[in-house]
All heavy atoms as atom14 arrays in JSON, in Angstrom:
{
  "sequence": "EIRDAYARAASPMAMAGAAFMEIVNTGDTPDRLIAAKAGVAKR",
  "atom14_mask": [
    [1, 1, 1, 1, 1, 1, 1, 1, 1, 0, 0, 0, 0, 0],
    [1, 1, 1, 1, 1, 1, 1, 1, 0, 0, 0, 0, 0, 0],
    [1, 1, 1, 1, 1, 1, 1, 1, 1, 1, 1, 0, 0, 0],
    [1, 1, 1, 1, 1, 1, 1, 1, 0, 0, 0, 0, 0, 0],
    [1, 1, 1, 1, 1, 0, 0, 0, 0, 0, 0, 0, 0, 0],
    [1, 1, 1, 1, 1, 1, 1, 1, 1, 1, 1, 1, 0, 0],
    [1, 1, 1, 1, 1, 0, 0, 0, 0, 0, 0, 0, 0, 0],
    [1, 1, 1, 1, 1, 1, 1, 1, 1, 1, 1, 0, 0, 0],
    [1, 1, 1, 1, 1, 0, 0, 0, 0, 0, 0, 0, 0, 0],
    [1, 1, 1, 1, 1, 0, 0, 0, 0, 0, 0, 0, 0, 0],
    [1, 1, 1, 1, 1, 1, 0, 0, 0, 0, 0, 0, 0, 0],
    [1, 1, 1, 1, 1, 1, 1, 0, 0, 0, 0, 0, 0, 0],
    [1, 1, 1, 1, 1, 1, 1, 1, 0, 0, 0, 0, 0, 0],
    [1, 1, 1, 1, 1, 0, 0, 0, 0, 0, 0, 0, 0, 0],
    [1, 1, 1, 1, 1, 1, 1, 1, 0, 0, 0, 0, 0, 0],
    [1, 1, 1, 1, 1, 0, 0, 0, 0, 0, 0, 0, 0, 0],
    [1, 1, 1, 1, 0, 0, 0, 0, 0, 0, 0, 0, 0, 0],
    [1, 1, 1, 1, 1, 0, 0, 0, 0, 0, 0, 0, 0, 0],
    [1, 1, 1, 1, 1, 0, 0, 0, 0, 0, 0, 0, 0, 0],
    [1, 1, 1, 1, 1, 1, 1, 1, 1, 1, 1, 0, 0, 0],
    [1, 1, 1, 1, 1, 1, 1, 1, 0, 0, 0, 0, 0, 0],
    [1, 1, 1, 1, 1, 1, 1, 1, 1, 0, 0, 0, 0, 0],
    [1, 1, 1, 1, 1, 1, 1, 1, 0, 0, 0, 0, 0, 0],
    [1, 1, 1, 1, 1, 1, 1, 0, 0, 0, 0, 0, 0, 0],
    [1, 1, 1, 1, 1, 1, 1, 1, 0, 0, 0, 0, 0, 0],
    [1, 1, 1, 1, 1, 1, 1, 0, 0, 0, 0, 0, 0, 0],
    [1, 1, 1, 1, 0, 0, 0, 0, 0, 0, 0, 0, 0, 0],
    [1, 1, 1, 1, 1, 1, 1, 1, 0, 0, 0, 0, 0, 0],
    [1, 1, 1, 1, 1, 1, 1, 0, 0, 0, 0, 0, 0, 0],
    [1, 1, 1, 1, 1, 1, 1, 0, 0, 0, 0, 0, 0, 0],
    [1, 1, 1, 1, 1, 1, 1, 1, 0, 0, 0, 0, 0, 0],
    [1, 1, 1, 1, 1, 1, 1, 1, 1, 1, 1, 0, 0, 0],
    [1, 1, 1, 1, 1, 1, 1, 1, 0, 0, 0, 0, 0, 0],
    [1, 1, 1, 1, 1, 1, 1, 1, 0, 0, 0, 0, 0, 0],
    [1, 1, 1, 1, 1, 0, 0, 0, 0, 0, 0, 0, 0, 0],
    [1, 1, 1, 1, 1, 0, 0, 0, 0, 0, 0, 0, 0, 0],
    [1, 1, 1, 1, 1, 1, 1, 1, 1, 0, 0, 0, 0, 0],
    [1, 1, 1, 1, 1, 0, 0, 0, 0, 0, 0, 0, 0, 0],
    [1, 1, 1, 1, 0, 0, 0, 0, 0, 0, 0, 0, 0, 0],
    [1, 1, 1, 1, 1, 1, 1, 0, 0, 0, 0, 0, 0, 0],
    [1, 1, 1, 1, 1, 0, 0, 0, 0, 0, 0, 0, 0, 0],
    [1, 1, 1, 1, 1, 1, 1, 1, 1, 0, 0, 0, 0, 0],
    [1, 1, 1, 1, 1, 1, 1, 1, 1, 1, 1, 0, 0, 0]
  ],
  "atom14_positions": [
    [[6.7, -2.03, 0.13], [5.81, -2.33, -1.06], [5.12, -3.72, -0.8], [5.81, -4.65, -0.26], [6.65, -2.58, -2.38], [7.28, -1.17, -2.75], [8.12, -1.33, -3.92], [8.21, -2.48, -4.59], [9.02, -0.47, -4.21], [0.0, 0.0, 0.0], [0.0, 0.0, 0.0], [0.0, 0.0, 0.0], [0.0, 0.0, 0.0], [0.0, 0.0, 0.0]],
    [[3.87, -3.76, -1.09], [3.19, -5.03, -0.96], [2.88, -5.52, -2.35], [2.43, -4.99, -3.29], [1.8, -4.81, -0.22], [1.97, -4.09, 1.07], [1.07, -6.22, -0.04], [2.97, -4.62, 2.13], [0.0, 0.0, 0.0], [0.0, 0.0, 0.0], [0.0, 0.0, 0.0], [0.0, 0.0, 0.0], [0.0, 0.0, 0.0], [0.0, 0.0, 0.0]],
    [[3.48, -6.81, -2.48], [3.3, -7.42, -3.91], [2.57, -8.83, -3.77], [2.71, -9.5, -2.86], [4.72, -7.7, -4.45], [5.49, -6.45, -4.73], [6.79, -6.74, -5.24], [7.58, -5.3, -5.41], [8.88, -5.44, -5.52], [9.59, -6.56, -5.55], [9.57, -4.34, -5.62], [0.0, 0.0, 0.0], [0.0, 0.0, 0.0], [0.0, 0.0, 0.0]],
    [[1.94, -9.13, -4.89], [1.36, -10.48, -5.1], [0.51, -10.88, -3.79], [0.56, -12.06, -3.42], [2.37, -11.53, -5.34], [1.86, -12.75, -5.97], [0.77, -12.78, -6.62], [2.51, -13.81, -5.66], [0.0, 0.0, 0.0], [0.0, 0.0, 0.0], [0.0, 0.0, 0.0], [0.0, 0.0, 0.0], [0.0, 0.0, 0.0], [0.0, 0.0, 0.0]],
    [[-0.34, -10.09, -3.37], [-1.16, -10.26, -2.29], [-2.45, -11.12, -2.62], [-2.97, -10.73, -3.68], [-1.48, -8.98, -1.53], [0.0, 0.0, 0.0], [0.0, 0.0, 0.0], [0.0, 0.0, 0.0], [0.0, 0.0, 0.0], [0.0, 0.0, 0.0], [0.0, 0.0, 0.0], [0.0, 0.0, 0.0], [0.0, 0.0, 0.0], [0.0, 0.0, 0.0]],
    [[-2.88, -12.16, -1.89], [-4.14, -12.76, -2.2], [-4.58, -13.31, -0.91], [-3.85, -13.49, 0.04], [-3.98, -13.93, -3.19], [-3.21, -15.12, -2.88], [-3.99, -16.27, -2.43], [-1.83, -15.13, -2.78], [-3.35, -17.45, -2.14], [-1.2, -16.24, -2.4], [-1.93, -17.43, -1.94], [-1.25, -18.55, -1.65], [0.0, 0.0, 0.0], [0.0, 0.0, 0.0]],
    [[-5.95, -13.6, -0.85], [-6.63, -14.16, 0.42], [-7.27, -15.41, -0.09], [-7.75, -15.67, -1.18], [-7.47, -13.17, 0.98], [0.0, 0.0, 0.0], [0.0, 0.0, 0.0], [0.0, 0.0, 0.0], [0.0, 0.0, 0.0], [0.0, 0.0, 0.0], [0.0, 0.0, 0.0], [0.0, 0.0, 0.0], [0.0, 0.0, 0.0], [0.0, 0.0, 0.0]],
    [[-7.58, -16.23, 0.88], [-8.45, -17.46, 0.6], [-9.06, -17.93, 1.96], [-8.53, -17.56, 3.15], [-7.52, -18.43, 0.05], [-6.44, -19.08, 0.83], [-5.63, -20.26, 0.21], [-6.47, -21.47, 0.22], [-6.98, -21.93, -0.89], [-6.88, -21.42, -2.0], [-7.81, -23.03, -0.81], [0.0, 0.0, 0.0], [0.0, 0.0, 0.0], [0.0, 0.0, 0.0]],
    [[-10.02, -18.77, 1.88], [-10.65, -19.52, 2.87], [-10.74, -20.89, 2.34], [-10.77, -21.18, 1.19], [-11.98, -18.86, 3.24], [0.0, 0.0, 0.0], [0.0, 0.0, 0.0], [0.0, 0.0, 0.0], [0.0, 0.0, 0.0], [0.0, 0.0, 0.0], [0.0, 0.0, 0.0], [0.0, 0.0, 0.0], [0.0, 0.0, 0.0], [0.0, 0.0, 0.0]],
    [[-10.9, -21.91, 3.29], [-11.01, -23.32, 2.91], [-12.4, -23.66, 2.15], [-12.35, -24.53, 1.36], [-11.0, -24.18, 4.13], [0.0, 0.0, 0.0], [0.0, 0.0, 0.0], [0.0, 0.0, 0.0], [0.0, 0.0, 0.0], [0.0, 0.0, 0.0], [0.0, 0.0, 0.0], [0.0, 0.0, 0.0], [0.0, 0.0, 0.0], [0.0, 0.0, 0.0]],
    [[-13.35, -22.82, 2.45], [-14.71, -22.97, 1.74], [-15.59, -21.82, 1.82], [-15.2, -20.91, 2.69], [-15.39, -24.25, 2.22], [-16.01, -23.86, 3.61], [0.0, 0.0, 0.0], [0.0, 0.0, 0.0], [0.0, 0.0, 0.0], [0.0, 0.0, 0.0], [0.0, 0.0, 0.0], [0.0, 0.0, 0.0], [0.0, 0.0, 0.0], [0.0, 0.0, 0.0]],
    [[-16.52, -21.72, 1.03], [-17.36, -20.45, 1.09], [-17.97, -20.28, 2.51], [-18.43, -19.22, 2.85], [-18.48, -20.67, 0.09], [-17.85, -21.6, -0.87], [-16.97, -22.51, -0.09], [0.0, 0.0, 0.0], [0.0, 0.0, 0.0], [0.0, 0.0, 0.0], [0.0, 0.0, 0.0], [0.0, 0.0, 0.0], [0.0, 0.0, 0.0], [0.0, 0.0, 0.0]],
    [[-18.26, -21.38, 3.24], [-18.79, -21.41, 4.58], [-17.73, -21.24, 5.63], [-18.17, -21.16, 6.93], [-19.78, -22.4, 4.74], [-20.9, -22.57, 3.81], [-21.92, -21.0, 3.63], [-22.73, -21.0, 5.13], [0.0, 0.0, 0.0], [0.0, 0.0, 0.0], [0.0, 0.0, 0.0], [0.0, 0.0, 0.0], [0.0, 0.0, 0.0], [0.0, 0.0, 0.0]],
    [[-16.53, -21.15, 5.42], [-15.49, -21.07, 6.41], [-15.65, -19.9, 7.3], [-16.03, -18.79, 6.91], [-14.15, -21.23, 5.74], [0.0, 0.0, 0.0], [0.0, 0.0, 0.0], [0.0, 0.0, 0.0], [0.0, 0.0, 0.0], [0.0, 0.0, 0.0], [0.0, 0.0, 0.0], [0.0, 0.0, 0.0], [0.0, 0.0, 0.0], [0.0, 0.0, 0.0]],
    [[-15.32, -20.15, 8.61], [-15.29, -18.93, 9.59], [-13.93, -18.3, 9.66], [-13.7, -17.38, 10.49], [-15.76, -19.55, 10.82], [-17.27, -19.87, 10.92], [-18.31, -18.57, 10.23], [-18.13, -17.34, 11.5], [0.0, 0.0, 0.0], [0.0, 0.0, 0.0], [0.0, 0.0, 0.0], [0.0, 0.0, 0.0], [0.0, 0.0, 0.0], [0.0, 0.0, 0.0]],
    [[-12.87, -18.79, 8.91], [-11.61, -18.27, 9.01], [-11.06, -18.14, 7.55], [-11.43, -19.03, 6.74], [-10.75, -19.12, 9.84], [0.0, 0.0, 0.0], [0.0, 0.0, 0.0], [0.0, 0.0, 0.0], [0.0, 0.0, 0.0], [0.0, 0.0, 0.0], [0.0, 0.0, 0.0], [0.0, 0.0, 0.0], [0.0, 0.0, 0.0], [0.0, 0.0, 0.0]],
    [[-10.16, -17.2, 7.4], [-9.48, -17.03, 6.05], [-8.06, -16.51, 6.49], [-7.71, -16.24, 7.46], [0.0, 0.0, 0.0], [0.0, 0.0, 0.0], [0.0, 0.0, 0.0], [0.0, 0.0, 0.0], [0.0, 0.0, 0.0], [0.0, 0.0, 0.0], [0.0, 0.0, 0.0], [0.0, 0.0, 0.0], [0.0, 0.0, 0.0], [0.0, 0.0, 0.0]],
    [[-7.24, -16.43, 5.31], [-5.86, -15.94, 5.53], [-5.45, -15.09, 4.31], [-6.1, -15.26, 3.26], [-5.04, -17.22, 5.67], [0.0, 0.0, 0.0], [0.0, 0.0, 0.0], [0.0, 0.0, 0.0], [0.0, 0.0, 0.0], [0.0, 0.0, 0.0], [0.0, 0.0, 0.0], [0.0, 0.0, 0.0], [0.0, 0.0, 0.0], [0.0, 0.0, 0.0]],
    [[-4.42, -14.31, 4.49], [-3.89, -13.51, 3.37], [-2.37, -13.8, 3.35], [-1.86, -13.93, 4.37], [-4.13, -12.08, 3.57], [0.0, 0.0, 0.0], [0.0, 0.0, 0.0], [0.0, 0.0, 0.0], [0.0, 0.0, 0.0], [0.0, 0.0, 0.0], [0.0, 0.0, 0.0], [0.0, 0.0, 0.0], [0.0, 0.0, 0.0], [0.0, 0.0, 0.0]],
    [[-1.9, -13.82, 2.17], [-0.44, -13.99, 1.84], [0.12, -12.9, 0.87], [-0.67, -12.46, 0.13], [-0.3, -15.47, 1.21], [-1.21, -16.49, 1.93], [-2.47, -16.83, 1.52], [-0.71, -17.01, 3.13], [-3.22, -17.8, 2.19], [-1.49, -17.99, 3.83], [-2.67, -18.49, 3.22], [0.0, 0.0, 0.0], [0.0, 0.0, 0.0], [0.0, 0.0, 0.0]],
    [[1.27, -12.66, 1.05], [1.93, -11.55, 0.16], [3.39, -11.62, 0.32], [4.07, -12.13, 1.26], [1.31, -10.17, 0.62], [1.67, -9.81, 2.07], [0.55, -8.6, 2.77], [-0.81, -9.53, 3.19], [0.0, 0.0, 0.0], [0.0, 0.0, 0.0], [0.0, 0.0, 0.0], [0.0, 0.0, 0.0], [0.0, 0.0, 0.0], [0.0, 0.0, 0.0]],
    [[4.02, -10.87, -0.53], [5.45, -10.39, -0.31], [5.47, -8.97, 0.26], [4.72, -8.04, -0.2], [6.16, -10.44, -1.68], [6.26, -11.57, -2.5], [6.93, -11.56, -3.81], [7.88, -10.73, -3.85], [6.47, -12.11, -4.67], [0.0, 0.0, 0.0], [0.0, 0.0, 0.0], [0.0, 0.0, 0.0], [0.0, 0.0, 0.0], [0.0, 0.0, 0.0]],
    [[6.26, -8.81, 1.3], [6.44, -7.4, 1.88], [7.82, -7.08, 1.47], [8.85, -7.68, 2.1], [6.19, -7.34, 3.28], [4.77, -7.8, 3.64], [6.34, -5.96, 3.92], [4.48, -7.96, 5.12], [0.0, 0.0, 0.0], [0.0, 0.0, 0.0], [0.0, 0.0, 0.0], [0.0, 0.0, 0.0], [0.0, 0.0, 0.0], [0.0, 0.0, 0.0]],
    [[8.13, -6.05, 0.62], [9.3, -5.63, 0.17], [9.7, -4.29, 0.81], [8.95, -3.33, 0.89], [9.4, -5.53, -1.35], [10.78, -5.01, -1.77], [8.94, -6.77, -1.94], [0.0, 0.0, 0.0], [0.0, 0.0, 0.0], [0.0, 0.0, 0.0], [0.0, 0.0, 0.0], [0.0, 0.0, 0.0], [0.0, 0.0, 0.0], [0.0, 0.0, 0.0]],
    [[10.94, -4.27, 1.55], [11.48, -3.04, 2.19], [12.66, -2.63, 1.35], [13.74, -3.19, 1.3], [11.91, -3.41, 3.64], [12.35, -2.13, 4.25], [12.58, -1.02, 3.67], [12.56, -2.3, 5.56], [0.0, 0.0, 0.0], [0.0, 0.0, 0.0], [0.0, 0.0, 0.0], [0.0, 0.0, 0.0], [0.0, 0.0, 0.0], [0.0, 0.0, 0.0]],
    [[12.29, -1.51, 0.5], [13.44, -0.87, -0.23], [14.29, 0.07, 0.37], [15.15, 0.48, -0.23], [12.81, -0.25, -1.52], [11.95, 0.78, -1.06], [11.98, -1.36, -2.34], [0.0, 0.0, 0.0], [0.0, 0.0, 0.0], [0.0, 0.0, 0.0], [0.0, 0.0, 0.0], [0.0, 0.0, 0.0], [0.0, 0.0, 0.0], [0.0, 0.0, 0.0]],
    [[14.01, 0.3, 1.65], [14.67, 1.24, 2.38], [15.93, 0.8, 3.09], [16.16, -0.46, 3.08], [0.0, 0.0, 0.0], [0.0, 0.0, 0.0], [0.0, 0.0, 0.0], [0.0, 0.0, 0.0], [0.0, 0.0, 0.0], [0.0, 0.0, 0.0], [0.0, 0.0, 0.0], [0.0, 0.0, 0.0], [0.0, 0.0, 0.0], [0.0, 0.0, 0.0]],
    [[16.56, 1.59, 3.8], [17.82, 1.3, 4.57], [17.6, 0.97, 5.97], [18.58, 0.81, 6.74], [18.83, 2.49, 4.32], [19.27, 2.54, 2.87], [19.37, 1.56, 2.21], [19.53, 3.76, 2.47], [0.0, 0.0, 0.0], [0.0, 0.0, 0.0], [0.0, 0.0, 0.0], [0.0, 0.0, 0.0], [0.0, 0.0, 0.0], [0.0, 0.0, 0.0]],
    [[16.37, 1.15, 6.46], [15.95, 0.88, 7.71], [15.0, -0.3, 7.89], [14.07, -0.33, 7.28], [15.27, 2.13, 8.38], [16.0, 3.29, 8.15], [14.9, 1.95, 9.76], [0.0, 0.0, 0.0], [0.0, 0.0, 0.0], [0.0, 0.0, 0.0], [0.0, 0.0, 0.0], [0.0, 0.0, 0.0], [0.0, 0.0, 0.0], [0.0, 0.0, 0.0]],
    [[15.34, -1.32, 8.81], [14.34, -2.34, 9.07], [13.04, -1.89, 9.53], [12.98, -0.9, 10.08], [15.09, -3.27, 10.06], [16.12, -2.47, 10.53], [16.49, -1.29, 9.73], [0.0, 0.0, 0.0], [0.0, 0.0, 0.0], [0.0, 0.0, 0.0], [0.0, 0.0, 0.0], [0.0, 0.0, 0.0], [0.0, 0.0, 0.0], [0.0, 0.0, 0.0]],
    [[12.06, -2.65, 9.2], [10.73, -2.22, 9.85], [10.08, -3.68, 10.35], [10.79, -4.63, 10.25], [9.89, -1.68, 8.71], [8.76, -0.85, 9.17], [8.35, -1.04, 10.39], [8.28, 0.0, 8.41], [0.0, 0.0, 0.0], [0.0, 0.0, 0.0], [0.0, 0.0, 0.0], [0.0, 0.0, 0.0], [0.0, 0.0, 0.0], [0.0, 0.0, 0.0]],
    [[8.95, -3.52, 10.79], [8.27, -4.76, 11.3], [6.73, -4.69, 11.12], [6.21, -3.53, 11.46], [8.52, -4.81, 12.84], [7.85, -6.05, 13.61], [8.27, -6.07, 15.02], [9.74, -6.61, 15.06], [10.13, -7.85, 15.01], [9.21, -8.84, 14.88], [11.41, -8.19, 15.05], [0.0, 0.0, 0.0], [0.0, 0.0, 0.0], [0.0, 0.0, 0.0]],
    [[6.11, -5.63, 10.49], [4.59, -5.67, 10.39], [4.15, -6.11, 11.79], [4.53, -7.13, 12.34], [4.27, -6.72, 9.46], [2.72, -6.89, 9.27], [2.0, -5.57, 8.85], [2.53, -8.11, 8.33], [0.0, 0.0, 0.0], [0.0, 0.0, 0.0], [0.0, 0.0, 0.0], [0.0, 0.0, 0.0], [0.0, 0.0, 0.0], [0.0, 0.0, 0.0]],
    [[3.44, -5.2, 12.5], [2.95, -5.42, 13.91], [1.53, -5.69, 14.01], [1.11, -6.24, 15.1], [3.39, -4.36, 14.88], [2.81, -2.95, 14.37], [5.04, -4.28, 14.93], [3.05, -1.78, 15.31], [0.0, 0.0, 0.0], [0.0, 0.0, 0.0], [0.0, 0.0, 0.0], [0.0, 0.0, 0.0], [0.0, 0.0, 0.0], [0.0, 0.0, 0.0]],
    [[0.68, -5.51, 13.09], [-0.71, -5.82, 13.18], [-1.32, -5.71, 11.75], [-0.82, -5.12, 10.78], [-1.45, -4.8, 14.11], [0.0, 0.0, 0.0], [0.0, 0.0, 0.0], [0.0, 0.0, 0.0], [0.0, 0.0, 0.0], [0.0, 0.0, 0.0], [0.0, 0.0, 0.0], [0.0, 0.0, 0.0], [0.0, 0.0, 0.0], [0.0, 0.0, 0.0]],
    [[-2.53, -6.09, 11.79], [-3.38, -5.91, 10.45], [-4.82, -5.85, 10.88], [-5.24, -6.23, 12.05], [-3.31, -7.22, 9.54], [0.0, 0.0, 0.0], [0.0, 0.0, 0.0], [0.0, 0.0, 0.0], [0.0, 0.0, 0.0], [0.0, 0.0, 0.0], [0.0, 0.0, 0.0], [0.0, 0.0, 0.0], [0.0, 0.0, 0.0], [0.0, 0.0, 0.0]],
    [[-5.61, -5.06, 10.12], [-7.1, -4.65, 10.46], [-7.78, -4.95, 9.31], [-7.37, -4.59, 8.09], [-7.12, -3.29, 11.08], [-6.17, -2.91, 12.13], [-6.49, -1.57, 12.68], [-5.6, -0.56, 12.07], [-5.8, 0.8, 12.62], [0.0, 0.0, 0.0], [0.0, 0.0, 0.0], [0.0, 0.0, 0.0], [0.0, 0.0, 0.0], [0.0, 0.0, 0.0]],
    [[-9.08, -5.41, 9.42], [-9.96, -5.58, 8.29], [-11.4, -5.68, 8.87], [-11.56, -6.31, 9.91], [-9.5, -6.81, 7.49], [0.0, 0.0, 0.0], [0.0, 0.0, 0.0], [0.0, 0.0, 0.0], [0.0, 0.0, 0.0], [0.0, 0.0, 0.0], [0.0, 0.0, 0.0], [0.0, 0.0, 0.0], [0.0, 0.0, 0.0], [0.0, 0.0, 0.0]],
    [[-12.34, -5.13, 8.1], [-13.69, -5.23, 8.62], [-14.39, -6.56, 8.25], [-15.6, -6.72, 8.6], [0.0, 0.0, 0.0], [0.0, 0.0, 0.0], [0.0, 0.0, 0.0], [0.0, 0.0, 0.0], [0.0, 0.0, 0.0], [0.0, 0.0, 0.0], [0.0, 0.0, 0.0], [0.0, 0.0, 0.0], [0.0, 0.0, 0.0], [0.0, 0.0, 0.0]],
    [[-13.65, -7.5, 7.68], [-14.33, -8.73, 7.14], [-14.24, -9.8, 8.2], [-14.67, -10.97, 8.07], [-13.67, -9.28, 5.94], [-13.98, -8.27, 4.66], [-12.23, -9.55, 6.12], [0.0, 0.0, 0.0], [0.0, 0.0, 0.0], [0.0, 0.0, 0.0], [0.0, 0.0, 0.0], [0.0, 0.0, 0.0], [0.0, 0.0, 0.0], [0.0, 0.0, 0.0]],
    [[-13.69, -9.49, 9.41], [-13.51, -10.63, 10.55], [-13.76, -9.83, 11.8], [-13.4, -8.72, 12.17], [-12.21, -11.24, 10.22], [0.0, 0.0, 0.0], [0.0, 0.0, 0.0], [0.0, 0.0, 0.0], [0.0, 0.0, 0.0], [0.0, 0.0, 0.0], [0.0, 0.0, 0.0], [0.0, 0.0, 0.0], [0.0, 0.0, 0.0], [0.0, 0.0, 0.0]],
    [[-14.03, -10.68, 12.89], [-14.09, -10.31, 14.23], [-12.76, -10.01, 14.69], [-12.51, -9.14, 15.58], [-14.97, -11.32, 14.99], [-16.38, -11.39, 14.67], [-17.09, -12.56, 15.45], [-18.5, -12.73, 15.04], [-19.12, -13.8, 15.71], [0.0, 0.0, 0.0], [0.0, 0.0, 0.0], [0.0, 0.0, 0.0], [0.0, 0.0, 0.0], [0.0, 0.0, 0.0]],
    [[-11.8, -10.89, 14.43], [-10.42, -10.77, 14.75], [-9.52, -10.97, 13.59], [-9.72, -11.88, 12.73], [-10.06, -11.76, 15.8], [-10.65, -11.54, 17.09], [-10.08, -12.37, 18.19], [-9.36, -13.58, 17.97], [-9.7, -14.77, 18.25], [-10.8, -14.94, 19.11], [-8.92, -15.87, 17.99], [0.0, 0.0, 0.0], [0.0, 0.0, 0.0], [0.0, 0.0, 0.0]]
  ]
}
């Protein structure tokens, strides 16, 4: 489950931004976030 996610950049003209969130694993097996993809950035 992804909770309380939000993103921000330092200014409207910034070339970088970041996202923050809680990742809740309610299951009995560990998992791993290995990547993220979005069309709003080159990388």
